[in-house]
Each structure stands twice: as structure tokens, then as C-alpha cells.
Amino acid sequence: MTPDSTETKLREAMARLLVGKPQNCDGKLTKANLAREAKVSQATMYRAKNILAEWDSQVSDSTPRNAQVSRLEAELSRSKKRVRDLEQHNTELRRQVIAAATVIAELSARLDQPLSKSVTVLDSKR
């Protein structure tokens, strides 16, 4: 295998991995997957120092392995925020239910009291 064809294979594999469209591996941005994607041995890949330097400059720990993972992570983040918001709303509704139950209990207790204590009876013979 000539160095030019190896370099071409590695560049094409790198491009596919970076856009999230692998053909020969799981898509994780690792050097092992770069070799797999290019269908070259890791030893051959490691001899292409300029390609590895490009790889290292484009791939970092924060680089998502593909667009789908980025989209799913963003969706997960939005979903977690929605859950937090709904939990807060649920807590507020529970407080309102407790307050309403307290008012109902107080009103029920007042209804159970004899009327003579809370109501003045008027003489209807006047």
C-alpha cells in the first residue's frame, strides 16, 4: 500500500467519522475506529503522523461522535428541564391541595358547631 493511498483512505475515513456517517465501525471518534473505518492496520495508521496530527486537532473530549448523539443529548437536556419544571409545578399544586383541604376542614368544623353559638335567632313574633 502506497503512502498516498493510505493517506487518502485515512482522510476519507476521518471525514466520514467527523460528519457522523461511518461505514465500517460504530462511529466513536477514536483512533482505533479511524483505522477500522479506513480499513488499514493501526500500525499503518500510526505511521501517518500528519493525519494523526489532524485527527488530534479536530477531535477532543468534547467533540460529539456524530450529529445524532449531539441531537439526542440536546433532547435529553430539554427533557430533563421539562421534568424539573413539571416537578416544581406538581409541588405547587400539592401545596394548593393541602391549603384547600385545610380550608375545607375548617369550614366543615364550623358547620358542625351548634347554630346557637354562631347565629342569633330572631324572634319571629314581632
C-alpha atoms as a PDB file:
ATOM      1  CA  MET A   1       0.000   0.000   0.000  1.00  0.00           C
ATOM      2  CA  THR A   2       1.472   3.329  -1.002  1.00  0.00           C
ATOM      3  CA  PRO A   3       1.641   6.172   1.480  1.00  0.00           C
ATOM      4  CA  ASP A   4      -0.621   8.272  -0.773  1.00  0.00           C
ATOM      5  CA  SER A   5      -3.369   5.641  -0.864  1.00  0.00           C
ATOM      6  CA  THR A   6      -3.103   5.133   2.913  1.00  0.00           C
ATOM      7  CA  GLU A   7      -3.319   8.857   3.471  1.00  0.00           C
ATOM      8  CA  THR A   8      -6.318   9.083   1.146  1.00  0.00           C
ATOM      9  CA  LYS A   9      -8.081   6.239   2.924  1.00  0.00           C
ATOM     10  CA  LEU A  10      -7.396   7.791   6.317  1.00  0.00           C
ATOM     11  CA  ARG A  11      -8.578  11.255   5.204  1.00  0.00           C
ATOM     12  CA  GLU A  12     -11.782   9.836   3.740  1.00  0.00           C
ATOM     13  CA  ALA A  13     -12.369   7.754   6.887  1.00  0.00           C
ATOM     14  CA  MET A  14     -11.731  10.809   9.065  1.00  0.00           C
ATOM     15  CA  ALA A  15     -14.233  12.841   7.064  1.00  0.00           C
ATOM     16  CA  ARG A  16     -16.909  10.129   7.410  1.00  0.00           C
ATOM     17  CA  LEU A  17     -16.330   9.805  11.151  1.00  0.00           C
ATOM     18  CA  LEU A  18     -16.376  13.555  11.764  1.00  0.00           C
ATOM     19  CA  VAL A  19     -19.696  14.015   9.974  1.00  0.00           C
ATOM     20  CA  GLY A  20     -21.172  11.018  11.774  1.00  0.00           C
ATOM     21  CA  LYS A  21     -21.564   8.697   8.784  1.00  0.00           C
ATOM     22  CA  PRO A  22     -19.249   5.755   9.432  1.00  0.00           C
ATOM     23  CA  GLN A  23     -19.365   2.737   7.164  1.00  0.00           C
ATOM     24  CA  ASN A  24     -17.044   0.262   8.906  1.00  0.00           C
ATOM     25  CA  CYS A  25     -17.252   0.993  12.641  1.00  0.00           C
ATOM     26  CA  ASP A  26     -19.568   2.205  15.422  1.00  0.00           C
ATOM     27  CA  GLY A  27     -18.802   5.891  14.839  1.00  0.00           C
ATOM     28  CA  LYS A  28     -16.972   6.665  18.074  1.00  0.00           C
ATOM     29  CA  LEU A  29     -14.201   9.168  17.480  1.00  0.00           C
ATOM     30  CA  THR A  30     -11.245   7.007  18.405  1.00  0.00           C
ATOM     31  CA  LYS A  31      -8.005   6.297  16.590  1.00  0.00           C
ATOM     32  CA  ALA A  32      -8.857   2.593  16.542  1.00  0.00           C
ATOM     33  CA  ASN A  33     -12.081   3.434  14.717  1.00  0.00           C
ATOM     34  CA  LEU A  34     -10.177   5.692  12.330  1.00  0.00           C
ATOM     35  CA  ALA A  35      -8.043   2.689  11.354  1.00  0.00           C
ATOM     36  CA  ARG A  36     -11.112   0.422  11.112  1.00  0.00           C
ATOM     37  CA  GLU A  37     -13.007   2.961   9.033  1.00  0.00           C
ATOM     38  CA  ALA A  38     -10.045   3.347   6.659  1.00  0.00           C
ATOM     39  CA  LYS A  39      -9.563  -0.447   6.581  1.00  0.00           C
ATOM     40  CA  VAL A  40      -5.893  -0.143   7.495  1.00  0.00           C
ATOM     41  CA  SER A  41      -3.976  -1.582  10.423  1.00  0.00           C
ATOM     42  CA  GLN A  42      -3.339   0.577  13.440  1.00  0.00           C
ATOM     43  CA  ALA A  43       0.395   0.289  12.793  1.00  0.00           C
ATOM     44  CA  THR A  44      -0.109   1.701   9.301  1.00  0.00           C
ATOM     45  CA  MET A  45      -2.295   4.465  10.689  1.00  0.00           C
ATOM     46  CA  TYR A  46       0.307   5.419  13.321  1.00  0.00           C
ATOM     47  CA  ARG A  47       2.938   5.831  10.592  1.00  0.00           C
ATOM     48  CA  ALA A  48       0.767   8.581   9.035  1.00  0.00           C
ATOM     49  CA  LYS A  49       1.833  11.192  11.573  1.00  0.00           C
ATOM     50  CA  ASN A  50       0.409  14.180   9.675  1.00  0.00           C
ATOM     51  CA  ILE A  51      -3.025  12.514   9.511  1.00  0.00           C
ATOM     52  CA  LEU A  52      -2.899  11.755  13.252  1.00  0.00           C
ATOM     53  CA  ALA A  53      -1.959  15.366  13.967  1.00  0.00           C
ATOM     54  CA  GLU A  54      -5.030  16.498  12.004  1.00  0.00           C
ATOM     55  CA  TRP A  55      -7.145  13.925  13.838  1.00  0.00           C
ATOM     56  CA  ASP A  56      -5.914  15.152  17.217  1.00  0.00           C
ATOM     57  CA  SER A  57      -6.591  18.778  16.298  1.00  0.00           C
ATOM     58  CA  GLN A  58     -10.159  18.027  15.188  1.00  0.00           C
ATOM     59  CA  VAL A  59     -11.128  15.531  17.849  1.00  0.00           C
ATOM     60  CA  SER A  60     -11.261  16.411  21.513  1.00  0.00           C
ATOM     61  CA  ASP A  61     -13.072  15.016  24.531  1.00  0.00           C
ATOM     62  CA  SER A  62     -15.895  17.472  23.910  1.00  0.00           C
ATOM     63  CA  THR A  63     -16.358  16.534  20.249  1.00  0.00           C
ATOM     64  CA  PRO A  64     -19.543  14.511  19.832  1.00  0.00           C
ATOM     65  CA  ARG A  65     -19.053  11.282  17.946  1.00  0.00           C
ATOM     66  CA  ASN A  66     -21.735  12.196  15.470  1.00  0.00           C
ATOM     67  CA  ALA A  67     -24.648  14.500  14.843  1.00  0.00           C
ATOM     68  CA  GLN A  68     -27.239  12.041  16.137  1.00  0.00           C
ATOM     69  CA  VAL A  69     -25.528  11.838  19.534  1.00  0.00           C
ATOM     70  CA  SER A  70     -25.464  15.641  19.749  1.00  0.00           C
ATOM     71  CA  ARG A  71     -29.145  15.829  18.874  1.00  0.00           C
ATOM     72  CA  LEU A  72     -30.050  13.138  21.427  1.00  0.00           C
ATOM     73  CA  GLU A  73     -28.009  14.842  24.145  1.00  0.00           C
ATOM     74  CA  ALA A  74     -29.784  18.143  23.449  1.00  0.00           C
ATOM     75  CA  GLU A  75     -33.165  16.387  23.531  1.00  0.00           C
ATOM     76  CA  LEU A  76     -32.244  14.692  26.808  1.00  0.00           C
ATOM     77  CA  SER A  77     -31.259  18.041  28.296  1.00  0.00           C
ATOM     78  CA  ARG A  78     -34.577  19.589  27.233  1.00  0.00           C
ATOM     79  CA  SER A  79     -36.471  16.598  28.638  1.00  0.00           C
ATOM     80  CA  LYS A  80     -34.671  16.837  31.972  1.00  0.00           C
ATOM     81  CA  LYS A  81     -35.545  20.539  32.196  1.00  0.00           C
ATOM     82  CA  ARG A  82     -39.181  19.727  31.396  1.00  0.00           C
ATOM     83  CA  VAL A  83     -39.219  17.087  34.164  1.00  0.00           C
ATOM     84  CA  ARG A  84     -37.788  19.613  36.646  1.00  0.00           C
ATOM     85  CA  ASP A  85     -40.390  22.202  35.621  1.00  0.00           C
ATOM     86  CA  LEU A  86     -43.215  19.673  35.931  1.00  0.00           C
ATOM     87  CA  GLU A  87     -41.955  18.538  39.339  1.00  0.00           C
ATOM     88  CA  GLN A  88     -41.976  22.165  40.537  1.00  0.00           C
ATOM     89  CA  HIS A  89     -45.480  22.636  39.174  1.00  0.00           C
ATOM     90  CA  ASN A  90     -46.555  19.393  40.857  1.00  0.00           C
ATOM     91  CA  THR A  91     -45.124  20.609  44.185  1.00  0.00           C
ATOM     92  CA  GLU A  92     -47.054  23.885  43.851  1.00  0.00           C
ATOM     93  CA  LEU A  93     -50.271  22.030  43.058  1.00  0.00           C
ATOM     94  CA  ARG A  94     -49.761  19.804  46.104  1.00  0.00           C
ATOM     95  CA  ARG A  95     -49.376  22.913  48.275  1.00  0.00           C
ATOM     96  CA  GLN A  96     -52.620  24.283  46.856  1.00  0.00           C
ATOM     97  CA  VAL A  97     -54.422  20.985  47.533  1.00  0.00           C
ATOM     98  CA  ILE A  98     -53.191  20.989  51.137  1.00  0.00           C
ATOM     99  CA  ALA A  99     -54.315  24.606  51.582  1.00  0.00           C
ATOM    100  CA  ALA A 100     -57.731  23.814  50.088  1.00  0.00           C
ATOM    101  CA  ALA A 101     -58.080  20.736  52.306  1.00  0.00           C
ATOM    102  CA  THR A 102     -57.241  22.854  55.351  1.00  0.00           C
ATOM    103  CA  VAL A 103     -59.908  25.419  54.416  1.00  0.00           C
ATOM    104  CA  ILE A 104     -62.464  22.652  53.791  1.00  0.00           C
ATOM    105  CA  ALA A 105     -61.665  21.044  57.145  1.00  0.00           C
ATOM    106  CA  GLU A 106     -62.068  24.409  58.920  1.00  0.00           C
ATOM    107  CA  LEU A 107     -65.376  25.104  57.181  1.00  0.00           C
ATOM    108  CA  SER A 108     -66.630  21.596  57.959  1.00  0.00           C
ATOM    109  CA  ALA A 109     -65.699  22.062  61.608  1.00  0.00           C
ATOM    110  CA  ARG A 110     -67.620  25.326  61.704  1.00  0.00           C
ATOM    111  CA  LEU A 111     -70.666  23.675  60.158  1.00  0.00           C
ATOM    112  CA  ASP A 112     -70.613  21.016  62.859  1.00  0.00           C
ATOM    113  CA  GLN A 113     -70.868  23.642  65.625  1.00  0.00           C
ATOM    114  CA  PRO A 114     -74.355  24.236  67.038  1.00  0.00           C
ATOM    115  CA  LEU A 115     -76.122  27.112  65.354  1.00  0.00           C
ATOM    116  CA  SER A 116     -76.946  28.869  68.653  1.00  0.00           C
ATOM    117  CA  LYS A 117     -73.280  29.750  69.182  1.00  0.00           C
ATOM    118  CA  SER A 118     -72.750  31.255  65.791  1.00  0.00           C
ATOM    119  CA  VAL A 119     -76.200  32.540  64.868  1.00  0.00           C
ATOM    120  CA  THR A 120     -78.534  34.819  66.749  1.00  0.00           C
ATOM    121  CA  VAL A 121     -82.108  33.598  66.498  1.00  0.00           C
ATOM    122  CA  LEU A 122     -84.584  36.409  65.893  1.00  0.00           C
ATOM    123  CA  ASP A 123     -87.979  36.348  67.449  1.00  0.00           C
ATOM    124  CA  SER A 124     -90.391  35.905  64.600  1.00  0.00           C
ATOM    125  CA  LYS A 125     -93.463  37.123  66.615  1.00  0.00           C
ATOM    126  CA  ARG A 126     -92.669  40.797  66.282  1.00  0.00           C
END
